[in-house]
Protein backbone atom coordinates (compact mmCIF):
# COMPACT_ATOMS: atom_id res chain seq x y z
CA UNK A 1 30.89 5.51 -37.51
CA UNK A 2 32.46 7.38 -34.57
CA UNK A 3 32.82 4.14 -32.57
CA UNK A 4 34.33 2.39 -35.62
CA UNK A 5 36.93 5.14 -36.03
CA UNK A 6 37.95 4.96 -32.36
CA UNK A 7 38.21 1.13 -32.48
CA UNK A 8 40.23 1.28 -35.70
CA UNK A 9 42.81 3.53 -34.06
CA UNK A 10 43.02 1.12 -31.11
CA UNK A 11 43.62 -1.83 -33.46
CA UNK A 12 46.28 0.07 -35.39
CA UNK A 13 47.94 0.97 -32.09
CA UNK A 14 48.13 -2.68 -31.06
CA UNK A 15 49.35 -4.03 -34.41
CA UNK A 16 51.98 -1.29 -34.72
CA UNK A 17 54.00 -2.63 -31.81
CA UNK A 18 53.47 -6.33 -32.44
CA UNK A 19 56.09 -6.10 -35.19
CA UNK A 20 59.72 -7.04 -34.48
CA UNK A 21 61.40 -3.69 -34.76
CA UNK A 22 62.89 -0.93 -32.66
CA UNK A 23 60.63 1.19 -30.53
CA UNK A 24 60.78 3.89 -27.91
CA UNK A 25 58.31 5.70 -25.68
CA UNK A 26 57.81 9.10 -24.13
CA UNK A 27 55.76 10.76 -21.39
CA UNK A 28 54.28 14.18 -22.07
CA UNK A 29 52.25 16.86 -20.34
CA UNK A 30 51.22 20.40 -21.15
CA UNK A 31 48.92 23.22 -20.18
CA UNK A 32 46.82 24.68 -22.97
CA UNK A 33 44.32 27.28 -24.03
CA UNK A 34 41.17 25.65 -25.42
CA UNK A 35 37.78 26.57 -26.79
CA UNK A 36 34.77 25.18 -28.62
CA UNK A 37 34.54 26.91 -31.97
CA UNK A 38 31.21 27.89 -33.47
CA UNK A 39 28.71 28.26 -30.62
CA UNK A 40 28.43 31.78 -29.17
CA UNK A 41 27.19 30.48 -25.81
CA UNK A 42 30.52 28.89 -24.94
CA UNK A 43 33.06 29.86 -27.58
CA UNK A 44 33.73 33.55 -27.08
CA UNK A 45 36.63 33.13 -24.64
CA UNK A 46 39.51 30.64 -24.68
CA UNK A 47 39.94 28.98 -21.29
CA UNK A 48 42.50 26.78 -19.58
CA UNK A 49 42.98 23.08 -20.26
CA UNK A 50 45.50 20.30 -19.75
CA UNK A 51 46.92 17.30 -21.57
CA UNK A 52 49.03 14.31 -20.49
CA UNK A 53 49.81 10.90 -21.90
CA UNK A 54 52.20 8.19 -22.97
CA UNK A 55 53.25 7.78 -26.61
CA UNK A 56 54.91 4.66 -28.08
CA UNK A 57 56.95 5.09 -31.25
CA UNK A 58 57.92 2.64 -33.99
CA UNK A 59 61.40 3.61 -35.24
CA UNK A 60 61.65 3.26 -39.03
CA UNK A 61 65.01 5.03 -39.24
CA UNK A 62 66.81 8.01 -37.71
CA UNK A 63 64.37 10.48 -39.28
CA UNK A 64 60.96 8.80 -39.37
CA UNK A 65 58.92 7.50 -36.41
CA UNK A 66 55.29 6.35 -36.22
CA UNK A 67 53.63 6.80 -32.84
CA UNK A 68 50.47 6.05 -30.92
CA UNK A 69 49.46 5.81 -27.27
CA UNK A 70 46.87 6.80 -24.71
CA UNK A 71 46.33 10.44 -23.77
CA UNK A 72 44.10 12.40 -21.39
CA UNK A 73 42.81 15.80 -22.53
CA UNK A 74 40.85 18.31 -20.45
CA UNK A 75 39.06 21.16 -22.27
CA UNK A 76 37.21 24.21 -21.05
CA UNK A 77 35.47 26.92 -23.06
CA UNK A 78 33.28 29.78 -21.90
CA UNK A 79 31.12 32.64 -23.06
CA UNK A 80 31.53 36.35 -22.62
CA UNK A 81 29.74 38.17 -19.78
CA UNK A 82 26.00 37.48 -19.57
CA UNK A 83 23.48 39.34 -17.38
CA UNK A 84 21.11 36.76 -15.88
CA UNK A 85 17.53 37.54 -14.85
CA UNK A 86 14.72 35.46 -13.42
CA UNK A 87 11.22 35.05 -14.90
CA UNK A 88 10.15 38.37 -13.36
CA UNK A 89 13.09 40.25 -14.86
CA UNK A 90 14.96 40.59 -11.56
CA UNK A 91 18.70 40.93 -12.06
CA UNK A 92 20.49 37.85 -10.70
CA UNK A 93 23.99 38.95 -11.57
CA UNK A 94 26.60 38.88 -14.31
CA UNK A 95 28.55 35.71 -15.06
CA UNK A 96 29.63 33.39 -17.87
CA UNK A 97 28.57 29.99 -19.15
CA UNK A 98 31.31 27.38 -19.18
CA UNK A 99 31.59 23.96 -20.78
CA UNK A 100 34.16 21.33 -19.75
CA UNK A 101 35.02 17.98 -21.37
CA UNK A 102 37.37 15.20 -20.22
CA UNK A 103 38.64 12.98 -23.05
CA UNK A 104 40.65 9.80 -23.40
CA UNK A 105 42.36 9.96 -26.78
CA UNK A 106 44.25 7.54 -29.05
CA UNK A 107 46.53 9.41 -31.50
CA UNK A 108 48.28 8.12 -34.62
CA UNK A 109 51.24 10.38 -35.40
CA UNK A 110 54.04 10.49 -37.95
CA UNK A 111 57.15 12.25 -36.62
CA UNK A 112 60.16 13.60 -38.52
CA UNK A 113 63.53 14.28 -36.85
CA UNK A 114 65.71 16.82 -38.63
CA UNK A 115 69.30 15.88 -39.42
CA UNK A 116 70.81 19.36 -39.50
CA UNK A 117 68.82 20.62 -36.50
CA UNK A 118 69.04 17.35 -34.60
CA UNK A 119 67.25 18.63 -31.50
CA UNK A 120 64.14 19.58 -33.47
CA UNK A 121 61.29 17.16 -34.30
CA UNK A 122 57.92 17.83 -35.93
CA UNK A 123 54.88 15.57 -36.03
CA UNK A 124 51.34 15.43 -37.40
CA UNK A 125 48.49 12.97 -37.48
CA UNK A 126 44.97 12.13 -36.36
CA UNK A 127 43.25 11.15 -33.13
CA UNK A 128 40.07 9.53 -31.87
CA UNK A 129 38.59 10.67 -28.56
CA UNK A 130 36.16 9.28 -25.98
CA UNK A 131 34.28 11.71 -23.72
CA UNK A 132 34.47 10.22 -20.21
CA UNK A 133 32.97 13.20 -18.32
CA UNK A 134 31.62 16.68 -19.08
CA UNK A 135 29.69 19.61 -17.64
CA UNK A 136 27.96 22.81 -18.74
CA UNK A 137 26.98 25.39 -16.15
CA UNK A 138 27.14 28.97 -14.90
CA UNK A 139 30.47 30.09 -13.47
CA UNK A 140 30.92 31.92 -10.13
CA UNK A 141 28.33 29.77 -8.31
CA UNK A 142 25.43 32.12 -9.04
CA UNK A 143 22.10 30.73 -7.86
CA UNK A 144 20.41 30.60 -11.25
CA UNK A 145 17.58 28.11 -11.81
CA UNK A 146 18.06 25.80 -14.80
CA UNK A 147 15.03 24.90 -16.91
CA UNK A 148 17.00 22.89 -19.49
CA UNK A 149 18.75 20.24 -17.36
CA UNK A 150 20.13 17.39 -19.42
CA UNK A 151 20.28 13.85 -18.11
CA UNK A 152 23.66 12.27 -18.78
CA UNK A 153 26.10 14.09 -21.06
CA UNK A 154 25.96 17.63 -22.39
CA UNK A 155 28.44 16.82 -25.18
CA UNK A 156 28.68 13.96 -27.65
CA UNK A 157 30.58 10.90 -26.52
CA UNK A 158 33.04 10.70 -29.44
CA UNK A 159 35.42 13.12 -31.10
CA UNK A 160 38.06 12.91 -33.84
CA UNK A 161 40.41 15.38 -35.44
CA UNK A 162 43.92 16.46 -36.36
CA UNK A 163 47.08 16.88 -34.28
CA UNK A 164 50.34 18.66 -35.04
CA UNK A 165 53.27 19.80 -33.00
CA UNK A 166 56.97 20.40 -32.58
CA UNK A 167 59.42 19.25 -29.90
CA UNK A 168 62.88 20.58 -29.07
CA UNK A 169 65.39 18.58 -27.03
CA UNK A 170 66.57 20.68 -24.10
CA UNK A 171 68.58 18.26 -21.97
CA UNK A 172 69.90 14.94 -23.30
CA UNK A 173 71.04 12.03 -21.15
CA UNK A 174 72.16 8.47 -21.84
CA UNK A 175 68.70 7.04 -21.19
CA UNK A 176 66.29 10.01 -21.04
CA UNK A 177 65.85 13.31 -22.84
CA UNK A 178 63.87 16.33 -21.64
CA UNK A 179 62.19 18.29 -24.43
CA UNK A 180 59.86 21.24 -24.79
CA UNK A 181 56.69 20.80 -26.83
CA UNK A 182 54.25 23.04 -28.69
CA UNK A 183 51.09 21.11 -29.57
CA UNK A 184 47.97 22.01 -31.59
CA UNK A 185 44.72 20.04 -31.77
CA UNK A 186 41.80 20.72 -34.13
CA UNK A 187 38.58 18.73 -33.78
CA UNK A 188 36.63 17.86 -36.92
CA UNK A 189 33.36 16.66 -35.36
CA UNK A 190 30.36 18.45 -33.89
CA UNK A 191 30.70 17.66 -30.17
CA UNK A 192 27.65 19.49 -28.78
CA UNK A 193 24.27 17.86 -28.36
CA UNK A 194 22.39 20.27 -26.08
CA UNK A 195 22.40 23.38 -28.27
CA UNK A 196 20.68 24.04 -31.57
CA UNK A 197 23.37 24.11 -34.24
CA UNK A 198 22.44 23.92 -37.96
CA UNK A 199 26.06 23.63 -39.12
CA UNK A 200 27.51 20.15 -38.41
CA UNK A 201 31.06 21.43 -38.87
CA UNK A 202 30.86 23.86 -35.97
CA UNK A 203 31.53 23.38 -32.26
CA UNK A 204 34.83 21.62 -32.86
CA UNK A 205 37.28 21.40 -29.98
CA UNK A 206 40.49 23.38 -30.49
CA UNK A 207 43.51 23.80 -28.25
CA UNK A 208 47.09 25.06 -28.27
CA UNK A 209 49.40 23.70 -25.57
CA UNK A 210 52.92 24.30 -24.30
CA UNK A 211 54.58 21.64 -22.18
CA UNK A 212 57.36 19.13 -21.63
CA UNK A 213 58.21 15.68 -22.97
CA UNK A 214 60.35 13.00 -21.29
CA UNK A 215 61.74 10.75 -24.01
CA UNK A 216 63.20 7.27 -23.54
CA UNK A 217 66.26 6.37 -25.59
CA UNK A 218 65.66 4.08 -28.56
CA UNK A 219 65.56 0.48 -27.31
CA UNK A 220 65.40 -2.73 -29.35
CA UNK A 221 62.66 -5.17 -28.48
CA UNK A 222 63.49 -8.26 -26.44
CA UNK A 223 64.85 -11.06 -28.60
CA UNK A 224 66.48 -8.81 -31.18
CA UNK A 225 70.28 -8.78 -31.58
């Protein structure tokens, strides 16, 4: 089911821009605060993350745009302070557990551009994500023996969820526009596989990011008048 959802978004992305209509594209990047909600081992503290990607937009009219693209998302989430001991009870130090996930994501977003506040746009939609790398370990390089090593991935390979955000045009040019962006992502799937978790709707990925967007001016496709 997860693979089907991801492939469906890819197919929609391709068919969206095969139509003879106006389109535009934008490059975006932001830094964010992220966490995995629902597992006390790695969800007590929001940690840093990053997001970057290219978004292609189908222009319906001046107000409504439908977009998709390919994005990279980096998440981290960590626990509070933990005192580690060995099998004999010897204190090994205080540190935190930290989980990291690197995703490739395909979003499908509907954007609305305000007429009265023409620099302000809002958008919302869904995304499918593919975990390309992850890790789960003790921070601060403490020499703590692991008895629960996992071969391969610590987190599930697929993710899906909701996206929403707002952009504000800061500097407009003839061909490019610089904009600020506030972006929120809320995962809907259980992404952990190492930890015992009886509630399948926990351990979702969440992030809030602040960044910039470089927008290309609306351009008709080749062959259109």
